[in-house]
Amino acid sequence: MDPLALVFLCVLCPVVLLGGRIAASAAILASVCLMTMGQLLVLGPFHLHFFRLVILVGLARVLARGELQDLRGNRIDAAILVWLVVLVVTSPGHQDPRGQFINVLGTSVNTVVAYFVFRALIRNTDDVAGVGKLRAQARLVSPVDGIVSARLVEPGTTLVAGQAVVQVIDPSSLWIKARIDQGQAGSVRAGQPVEIVLRSDASRTYPGTVERIDWVSDPVTEERIVNIGFTSRPEAIPVGELVEVTIRTALLANARSVPAAAVKRVDRREGLWQVASGRATFRPVKIGVTTLDGRSQIVDGLDVGAEVVVHSEQPLQPDTRVKVVATLVHTAP
């Protein structure tokens, strides 16, 4: 027995017994929709199903209030009774006739009591509309059209207000959460084009755009969160998959650049080791963007035609004598 179902039963029974006709009808309807036949109270040899307890409380209510006195029989009532009699009479023939008869008799009692309790409580179309409105409030309606990605409870589970039942994903709202180093995120803007490569489909590139840049950065990883949307969303994309993104921040024409390996940081300043008269001199420069092929834009601080050190065998110091070579590795003859 589920303790939560027992609490639910203790709430429904007073409503059925003391509430108005609409509230009592809604409580019985809630027990039909939300309580499984597996929920029962065992008292010695008696196995009392929660649903049967609710309808017996409803029968006690209509008898105590005299709500059956104005009830007039009709053809539907007669058809229900005839159907139940035929069902009980024709039930034997199973491998366990006695058990089959008891089971059918119990179902018939549940049916006839619930039917006539509802007949006494619901008397006109206004009552039907009221019960329908209360039933509609118990429906689970998703606020968006989407795909059910997870079922969080099993059928027959007793629910409480605010409990999540299913997880729904709107495919049109999927986006990528990219983490960009703070040192490279300064030039990222909303609306910039993006190239997206899925790990499950590395041979294709999907177009996208930067939709939003979070104001709050990750203080631990020193990264900014950039939300990227698909221009044309691929079919059946798995949620949670890792992707690679390339954001085109700027298109520079005739930009002066050097290999990114030549950029050094000395005394908290970025610059280049420039070669003049065979000696090295550190020249602070202003760095722009860095491309994927490993070149850094020089915005200011470097003259046209200047020679810079890309690689040195030892750390350089000011006025260090250097020897310029064409290649670092010599090929065998």
Protein backbone atom coordinates (compact mmCIF):
# COMPACT_ATOMS: atom_id res chain seq x y z
CA MET A 1 0.00 0.00 0.00
CA ASP A 2 1.33 3.36 -1.04
CA PRO A 3 1.29 5.83 1.92
CA LEU A 4 0.69 8.71 -0.48
CA ALA A 5 -2.34 6.89 -1.90
CA LEU A 6 -3.67 6.40 1.65
CA VAL A 7 -3.39 10.16 2.26
CA PHE A 8 -5.16 10.74 -1.06
CA LEU A 9 -7.95 8.39 0.08
CA CYS A 10 -8.29 10.25 3.40
CA VAL A 11 -8.73 13.50 1.47
CA LEU A 12 -11.25 12.14 -1.07
CA CYS A 13 -13.60 10.41 1.37
CA PRO A 14 -14.54 13.56 3.35
CA VAL A 15 -15.06 15.44 0.08
CA VAL A 16 -17.40 12.71 -1.19
CA LEU A 17 -19.27 12.54 2.10
CA LEU A 18 -19.56 16.24 2.99
CA GLY A 19 -18.93 18.21 -0.21
CA GLY A 20 -21.42 19.45 -2.78
CA ARG A 21 -22.66 17.26 -5.59
CA ILE A 22 -20.11 18.59 -8.11
CA ALA A 23 -17.21 18.26 -5.68
CA ALA A 24 -18.28 14.73 -4.68
CA SER A 25 -18.60 13.69 -8.32
CA ALA A 26 -15.17 15.12 -9.10
CA ALA A 27 -13.65 13.27 -6.11
CA ILE A 28 -15.08 9.95 -7.27
CA LEU A 29 -13.90 10.65 -10.81
CA ALA A 30 -10.42 11.45 -9.45
CA SER A 31 -10.34 8.09 -7.67
CA VAL A 32 -11.26 6.35 -10.93
CA CYS A 33 -8.52 8.15 -12.89
CA LEU A 34 -5.71 8.25 -10.32
CA MET A 35 -6.12 5.15 -8.15
CA THR A 36 -5.15 1.75 -9.48
CA MET A 37 -6.92 -1.43 -8.39
CA GLY A 38 -3.65 -2.51 -6.81
CA GLN A 39 -4.14 0.07 -4.02
CA LEU A 40 -6.04 -1.73 -1.28
CA LEU A 41 -6.43 -1.86 2.49
CA VAL A 42 -6.03 -5.33 4.03
CA LEU A 43 -7.98 -5.96 7.24
CA GLY A 44 -7.63 -9.62 8.11
CA PRO A 45 -9.42 -11.65 5.44
CA PHE A 46 -10.90 -8.54 3.83
CA HIS A 47 -9.14 -6.82 0.91
CA LEU A 48 -10.76 -3.42 0.47
CA HIS A 49 -9.77 -1.63 -2.71
CA PHE A 50 -9.45 2.13 -2.31
CA PHE A 51 -11.81 2.74 -5.21
CA ARG A 52 -14.46 0.52 -3.61
CA LEU A 53 -14.11 2.42 -0.34
CA VAL A 54 -14.67 5.73 -2.15
CA ILE A 55 -17.83 4.57 -3.91
CA LEU A 56 -19.17 3.00 -0.70
CA VAL A 57 -18.69 6.36 1.01
CA GLY A 58 -20.56 7.89 -1.94
CA LEU A 59 -23.39 5.37 -1.50
CA ALA A 60 -23.59 6.20 2.20
CA ARG A 61 -23.78 9.90 1.32
CA VAL A 62 -26.65 9.60 -1.20
CA LEU A 63 -28.59 7.32 1.17
CA ALA A 64 -28.08 9.58 4.17
CA ARG A 65 -29.08 12.73 2.25
CA GLY A 66 -31.98 11.09 0.45
CA GLU A 67 -30.54 11.95 -2.94
CA LEU A 68 -31.86 8.69 -4.40
CA GLN A 69 -35.51 9.55 -3.65
CA ASP A 70 -35.99 11.75 -6.72
CA LEU A 71 -34.21 9.32 -9.01
CA ARG A 72 -36.41 7.94 -11.76
CA GLY A 73 -35.39 4.79 -13.57
CA ASN A 74 -34.83 4.80 -17.34
CA ARG A 75 -33.85 2.40 -20.10
CA ILE A 76 -30.17 2.92 -19.53
CA ASP A 77 -30.57 1.88 -15.88
CA ALA A 78 -32.37 -1.27 -16.97
CA ALA A 79 -29.73 -2.03 -19.62
CA ILE A 80 -26.95 -1.67 -17.05
CA LEU A 81 -28.66 -4.08 -14.64
CA VAL A 82 -29.41 -6.64 -17.37
CA TRP A 83 -25.80 -6.49 -18.61
CA LEU A 84 -24.47 -7.08 -15.09
CA VAL A 85 -26.81 -10.03 -14.48
CA VAL A 86 -25.74 -11.64 -17.78
CA LEU A 87 -22.08 -11.03 -16.92
CA VAL A 88 -22.40 -12.70 -13.51
CA VAL A 89 -24.42 -15.65 -14.80
CA THR A 90 -22.09 -16.40 -17.69
CA SER A 91 -18.87 -16.01 -15.68
CA PRO A 92 -18.37 -19.70 -14.63
CA GLY A 93 -16.40 -21.93 -16.97
CA HIS A 94 -12.94 -20.75 -15.94
CA GLN A 95 -10.34 -23.10 -14.45
CA ASP A 96 -11.24 -21.58 -11.07
CA PRO A 97 -15.04 -21.04 -11.30
CA ARG A 98 -15.38 -19.87 -7.69
CA GLY A 99 -12.56 -17.34 -7.98
CA GLN A 100 -13.85 -16.16 -11.36
CA PHE A 101 -17.36 -15.70 -9.97
CA ILE A 102 -16.11 -13.71 -6.97
CA ASN A 103 -13.99 -11.50 -9.22
CA VAL A 104 -16.87 -10.79 -11.64
CA LEU A 105 -19.28 -10.21 -8.76
CA GLY A 106 -16.90 -7.69 -7.19
CA THR A 107 -16.51 -5.85 -10.49
CA SER A 108 -20.29 -5.82 -10.95
CA VAL A 109 -20.81 -4.37 -7.48
CA ASN A 110 -18.26 -1.64 -8.19
CA THR A 111 -19.94 -0.82 -11.48
CA VAL A 112 -23.54 -0.70 -10.30
CA VAL A 113 -22.78 1.27 -7.12
CA ALA A 114 -20.60 3.79 -8.97
CA TYR A 115 -23.21 4.17 -11.72
CA PHE A 116 -26.14 4.87 -9.40
CA VAL A 117 -24.08 7.15 -7.14
CA PHE A 118 -23.25 9.22 -10.23
CA ARG A 119 -26.91 9.12 -11.28
CA ALA A 120 -27.86 10.58 -7.92
CA LEU A 121 -25.13 13.25 -7.93
CA ILE A 122 -25.34 14.36 -11.57
CA ARG A 123 -28.87 15.39 -12.45
CA ASN A 124 -28.64 17.86 -15.35
CA THR A 125 -26.32 19.26 -18.00
CA ASP A 126 -24.98 21.91 -15.61
CA ASP A 127 -23.71 19.15 -13.33
CA VAL A 128 -22.08 17.42 -16.30
CA ALA A 129 -20.40 20.66 -17.35
CA GLY A 130 -19.14 21.23 -13.81
CA VAL A 131 -17.64 17.75 -13.59
CA GLY A 132 -16.13 18.17 -17.04
CA LYS A 133 -14.51 21.44 -15.99
CA LEU A 134 -13.01 19.84 -12.89
CA ARG A 135 -11.80 16.88 -14.95
CA ALA A 136 -10.20 19.23 -17.47
CA GLN A 137 -8.22 20.81 -14.64
CA ALA A 138 -6.69 17.38 -13.95
CA ARG A 139 -5.44 16.96 -17.54
CA LEU A 140 -1.74 17.30 -18.23
CA VAL A 141 -1.30 19.77 -21.08
CA SER A 142 2.14 20.67 -22.37
CA PRO A 143 2.69 24.40 -22.91
CA VAL A 144 4.64 23.65 -26.11
CA ASP A 145 4.46 21.19 -28.98
CA GLY A 146 7.39 18.83 -28.82
CA ILE A 147 8.73 15.35 -28.26
CA VAL A 148 8.50 13.43 -24.99
CA SER A 149 12.14 12.69 -24.18
CA ALA A 150 11.62 11.09 -20.77
CA ARG A 151 8.79 9.67 -18.65
CA LEU A 152 9.54 10.52 -15.05
CA VAL A 153 6.82 8.40 -13.36
CA GLU A 154 5.34 5.00 -14.03
CA PRO A 155 1.66 4.37 -14.85
CA GLY A 156 -0.45 4.03 -11.71
CA THR A 157 1.78 6.27 -9.58
CA THR A 158 -0.06 8.68 -7.29
CA LEU A 159 0.94 12.25 -8.13
CA VAL A 160 1.06 15.43 -6.10
CA ALA A 161 0.61 19.00 -7.27
CA GLY A 162 3.68 20.36 -9.03
CA GLN A 163 5.28 16.95 -9.65
CA ALA A 164 6.90 16.52 -13.06
CA VAL A 165 5.45 13.65 -15.09
CA VAL A 166 7.14 13.81 -18.49
CA GLN A 167 9.96 15.79 -20.03
CA VAL A 168 9.07 17.49 -23.31
CA ILE A 169 11.59 18.99 -25.74
CA ASP A 170 10.64 21.50 -28.42
CA PRO A 171 13.04 20.71 -31.32
CA SER A 172 12.81 24.28 -32.61
CA SER A 173 14.20 25.62 -29.32
CA LEU A 174 17.41 23.53 -29.31
CA TRP A 175 20.65 25.47 -29.25
CA ILE A 176 24.31 24.94 -28.54
CA LYS A 177 25.95 26.16 -25.35
CA ALA A 178 29.52 26.98 -26.36
CA ARG A 179 32.22 27.89 -23.85
CA ILE A 180 34.67 30.49 -25.20
CA ASP A 181 37.86 31.53 -23.44
CA GLN A 182 37.49 35.03 -22.02
CA GLY A 183 40.61 36.13 -23.87
CA GLN A 184 38.96 35.32 -27.21
CA ALA A 185 35.35 36.15 -26.42
CA GLY A 186 35.70 39.93 -26.64
CA SER A 187 35.00 40.03 -30.37
CA VAL A 188 32.02 37.65 -30.27
CA ARG A 189 28.72 39.38 -31.07
CA ALA A 190 25.12 38.21 -31.47
CA GLY A 191 24.24 37.53 -35.09
CA GLN A 192 27.71 36.40 -36.20
CA PRO A 193 27.77 33.34 -38.50
CA VAL A 194 28.91 30.02 -37.06
CA GLU A 195 30.04 26.71 -38.54
CA ILE A 196 28.85 23.69 -36.51
CA VAL A 197 30.25 20.16 -36.72
CA LEU A 198 28.54 17.33 -34.83
CA ARG A 199 30.71 14.61 -33.37
CA SER A 200 28.27 12.02 -34.70
CA ASP A 201 28.51 13.50 -38.22
CA ALA A 202 32.00 14.97 -38.52
CA SER A 203 31.91 15.01 -42.32
CA ARG A 204 29.21 17.70 -42.50
CA THR A 205 29.15 21.34 -41.48
CA TYR A 206 25.89 22.97 -40.39
CA PRO A 207 25.38 26.74 -40.50
CA GLY A 208 24.32 28.63 -37.42
CA THR A 209 24.33 32.03 -35.75
CA VAL A 210 25.24 33.42 -32.36
CA GLU A 211 21.87 33.92 -30.65
CA ARG A 212 22.90 35.17 -27.22
CA ILE A 213 25.94 35.78 -25.04
CA ASP A 214 25.49 35.23 -21.32
CA TRP A 215 26.35 38.16 -19.09
CA VAL A 216 27.77 35.94 -16.35
CA SER A 217 31.05 34.15 -17.11
CA ASP A 218 32.27 30.95 -15.49
CA PRO A 219 34.73 32.16 -12.82
CA VAL A 220 36.32 28.72 -12.46
CA THR A 221 37.13 27.96 -16.11
CA GLU A 222 37.37 31.67 -17.08
CA GLU A 223 35.03 31.14 -20.02
CA ARG A 224 31.98 32.93 -21.39
CA ILE A 225 28.84 31.06 -22.36
CA VAL A 226 27.75 31.68 -25.95
CA ASN A 227 24.39 30.30 -27.11
CA ILE A 228 24.34 29.28 -30.76
CA GLY A 229 21.30 28.34 -32.83
CA PHE A 230 21.05 26.27 -36.00
CA THR A 231 20.13 28.09 -39.21
CA SER A 232 18.88 24.78 -40.56
CA ARG A 233 18.39 22.27 -37.77
CA PRO A 234 19.52 18.70 -38.60
CA GLU A 235 17.01 15.92 -38.25
CA ALA A 236 17.03 13.73 -35.12
CA ILE A 237 19.84 15.61 -33.41
CA PRO A 238 20.64 14.00 -30.04
CA VAL A 239 20.38 16.26 -27.01
CA GLY A 240 23.60 16.54 -25.02
CA GLU A 241 25.96 15.73 -27.89
CA LEU A 242 29.31 17.52 -28.03
CA VAL A 243 29.93 19.73 -31.08
CA GLU A 244 32.69 21.89 -32.48
CA VAL A 245 31.86 25.47 -33.45
CA THR A 246 33.77 28.06 -35.43
CA ILE A 247 32.58 31.65 -34.99
CA ARG A 248 33.46 34.05 -37.78
CA THR A 249 34.04 37.22 -35.78
CA ALA A 250 35.54 39.40 -38.53
CA LEU A 251 36.67 39.40 -42.16
CA LEU A 252 39.93 41.36 -42.45
CA ALA A 253 41.40 42.47 -45.76
CA ASN A 254 45.13 43.24 -46.10
CA ALA A 255 45.69 42.63 -42.39
CA ARG A 256 49.26 42.52 -41.08
CA SER A 257 49.86 39.27 -39.22
CA VAL A 258 52.60 37.06 -37.80
CA PRO A 259 52.66 33.43 -36.68
CA ALA A 260 50.95 33.16 -33.31
CA ALA A 261 54.03 31.39 -31.94
CA ALA A 262 56.00 34.65 -32.34
CA VAL A 263 53.80 36.52 -29.84
CA LYS A 264 55.40 36.50 -26.39
CA ARG A 265 54.45 37.99 -23.04
CA VAL A 266 57.17 39.88 -21.17
CA ASP A 267 56.52 41.95 -18.05
CA ARG A 268 52.75 41.54 -18.57
CA ARG A 269 52.98 43.04 -22.05
CA GLU A 270 52.38 41.24 -25.33
CA GLY A 271 54.94 41.79 -28.02
CA LEU A 272 57.46 40.38 -30.46
CA TRP A 273 61.18 39.80 -30.40
CA GLN A 274 62.44 41.88 -33.29
CA VAL A 275 65.83 41.27 -34.93
CA ALA A 276 67.95 44.33 -35.71
CA SER A 277 71.70 44.17 -36.55
CA GLY A 278 71.85 40.58 -35.35
CA ARG A 279 70.49 41.32 -31.89
CA ALA A 280 67.05 40.73 -30.32
CA THR A 281 64.90 43.59 -29.05
CA PHE A 282 61.49 43.16 -27.42
CA ARG A 283 58.86 45.26 -29.20
CA PRO A 284 55.42 45.66 -27.52
CA VAL A 285 52.58 45.37 -30.03
CA LYS A 286 48.80 45.46 -30.03
CA ILE A 287 47.31 42.09 -30.98
CA GLY A 288 44.01 41.76 -32.83
CA VAL A 289 42.29 38.50 -33.76
CA THR A 290 43.94 35.09 -34.00
CA THR A 291 42.92 32.82 -36.85
CA LEU A 292 42.44 29.07 -36.80
CA ASP A 293 45.53 28.55 -38.93
CA GLY A 294 47.72 30.05 -36.20
CA ARG A 295 48.26 33.66 -37.25
CA SER A 296 47.80 36.71 -35.03
CA GLN A 297 46.80 40.12 -36.35
CA ILE A 298 49.17 43.01 -35.51
CA VAL A 299 47.10 46.15 -35.06
CA ASP A 300 49.91 48.51 -34.04
CA GLY A 301 53.57 48.51 -33.00
CA LEU A 302 55.32 46.69 -35.87
CA ASP A 303 56.88 48.32 -38.93
CA VAL A 304 56.46 46.88 -42.39
CA GLY A 305 59.36 44.60 -43.33
CA ALA A 306 60.59 44.06 -39.77
CA GLU A 307 62.11 40.67 -38.90
CA VAL A 308 60.71 38.86 -35.84
CA VAL A 309 61.72 35.72 -34.00
CA VAL A 310 59.22 32.90 -34.37
CA HIS A 311 61.23 30.27 -32.48
CA SER A 312 64.40 30.27 -30.43
CA GLU A 313 66.31 27.44 -28.85
CA GLN A 314 66.69 29.37 -25.59
CA PRO A 315 64.65 32.10 -23.87
CA LEU A 316 65.66 35.48 -25.25
CA GLN A 317 66.85 38.47 -23.30
CA PRO A 318 67.21 42.06 -24.52
CA ASP A 319 70.30 42.59 -26.73
CA THR A 320 70.80 38.84 -27.16
CA ARG A 321 72.81 37.99 -30.25
CA VAL A 322 70.74 35.85 -32.61
CA LYS A 323 71.38 33.95 -35.80
CA VAL A 324 68.63 33.79 -38.38
CA VAL A 325 68.13 30.44 -40.14
CA ALA A 326 65.74 29.57 -42.92
CA THR A 327 64.48 26.31 -41.39
CA LEU A 328 64.61 24.65 -38.00
CA VAL A 329 65.04 21.13 -39.33
CA HIS A 330 67.44 20.26 -42.14
CA THR A 331 66.42 17.51 -44.50
CA ALA A 332 68.85 14.72 -45.25
CA PRO A 333 70.55 14.95 -48.66
